[in-house]
């Protein structure tokens, strides 16, 4: 993975976007030495979302299989997910 200053990528964003979209590169963006974001190809994002879905499904199956576990209040879930 390539690590670049966000300010450098901003100067030629189209070039960085092409490297990611067509070259399959992953670019870690940093500001003042601190990593703040990553540009990844859509395929990588789709894979990450698929992994999240699998993990969520496994967690749901475990919760359903063990109904004696204390439920999580709806209000707490809304707050944790920042749904207002």
Protein backbone atom coordinates (compact mmCIF):
# COMPACT_ATOMS: atom_id res chain seq x y z
CA UNK A 1 0.00 0.00 0.00
CA UNK A 2 1.22 3.44 -0.87
CA UNK A 3 1.16 6.20 1.74
CA UNK A 4 0.82 9.80 0.58
CA UNK A 5 0.12 13.21 2.07
CA UNK A 6 -3.50 14.21 1.51
CA UNK A 7 -2.33 17.58 0.23
CA UNK A 8 -0.27 15.92 -2.53
CA UNK A 9 -3.16 13.72 -3.61
CA UNK A 10 -5.48 16.73 -3.64
CA UNK A 11 -3.22 18.50 -6.16
CA UNK A 12 -3.73 15.75 -8.71
CA UNK A 13 -6.77 13.87 -7.48
CA UNK A 14 -7.73 12.59 -10.93
CA UNK A 15 -4.37 10.85 -11.28
CA UNK A 16 -4.69 9.23 -7.84
CA UNK A 17 -8.25 8.19 -8.61
CA UNK A 18 -7.14 6.55 -11.85
CA UNK A 19 -4.35 4.69 -10.07
CA UNK A 20 -6.90 3.30 -7.63
CA UNK A 21 -9.76 2.65 -10.06
CA UNK A 22 -7.77 1.25 -12.96
CA UNK A 23 -4.48 0.18 -11.39
CA UNK A 24 -5.94 -1.44 -8.29
CA UNK A 25 -3.68 0.57 -5.99
CA UNK A 26 -4.58 1.33 -2.39
CA UNK A 27 -3.50 4.74 -1.14
CA UNK A 28 -3.30 5.64 2.54
CA UNK A 29 -3.80 9.38 3.01
CA UNK A 30 -2.09 11.13 5.90
CA UNK A 31 -2.05 14.62 7.39
CA UNK A 32 0.84 15.78 9.50
CA UNK A 33 2.09 12.19 9.65
CA UNK A 34 -1.22 10.73 10.88
CA UNK A 35 -3.14 8.29 8.67
CA UNK A 36 -6.65 9.66 8.12
CA UNK A 37 -8.25 7.80 5.19
CA UNK A 38 -7.71 5.27 2.44
CA UNK A 39 -8.57 5.27 -1.25
CA UNK A 40 -9.39 1.72 -2.34
CA UNK A 41 -10.83 0.15 -5.48
CA UNK A 42 -14.56 -0.63 -5.47
CA UNK A 43 -13.79 -4.35 -5.40
CA UNK A 44 -12.02 -3.93 -2.07
CA UNK A 45 -14.98 -2.02 -0.62
CA UNK A 46 -17.41 -4.67 -1.87
CA UNK A 47 -15.30 -7.39 -0.24
CA UNK A 48 -15.17 -5.48 3.06
CA UNK A 49 -18.95 -5.04 3.01
CA UNK A 50 -19.42 -8.75 2.25
CA UNK A 51 -17.18 -9.65 5.20
CA UNK A 52 -19.20 -7.32 7.46
CA UNK A 53 -22.43 -8.98 6.30
CA UNK A 54 -21.04 -12.44 7.07
CA UNK A 55 -19.91 -11.36 10.53
CA UNK A 56 -23.29 -9.72 11.21
CA UNK A 57 -25.10 -12.89 10.11
CA UNK A 58 -22.95 -15.03 12.39
CA UNK A 59 -23.60 -12.69 15.31
CA UNK A 60 -27.35 -12.75 14.63
CA UNK A 61 -27.34 -16.55 14.48
CA UNK A 62 -25.52 -16.72 17.83
CA UNK A 63 -28.02 -14.31 19.40
CA UNK A 64 -30.96 -16.31 18.08
CA UNK A 65 -29.40 -19.58 19.31
CA UNK A 66 -28.92 -18.15 22.80
CA UNK A 67 -32.18 -16.37 23.70
CA UNK A 68 -31.25 -16.22 27.41
CA UNK A 69 -28.76 -13.45 26.71
CA UNK A 70 -29.98 -10.00 27.74
CA UNK A 71 -31.46 -8.04 24.82
CA UNK A 72 -29.99 -4.73 23.77
CA UNK A 73 -32.48 -1.88 24.16
CA UNK A 74 -33.57 -0.24 20.91
CA UNK A 75 -32.66 3.23 22.18
CA UNK A 76 -29.09 2.11 22.88
CA UNK A 77 -28.74 0.67 19.39
CA UNK A 78 -30.04 3.91 17.84
CA UNK A 79 -27.56 5.92 19.90
CA UNK A 80 -24.60 3.64 19.09
CA UNK A 81 -25.44 3.79 15.38
CA UNK A 82 -25.95 7.56 15.58
CA UNK A 83 -29.49 7.30 14.25
CA UNK A 84 -30.76 10.14 16.42
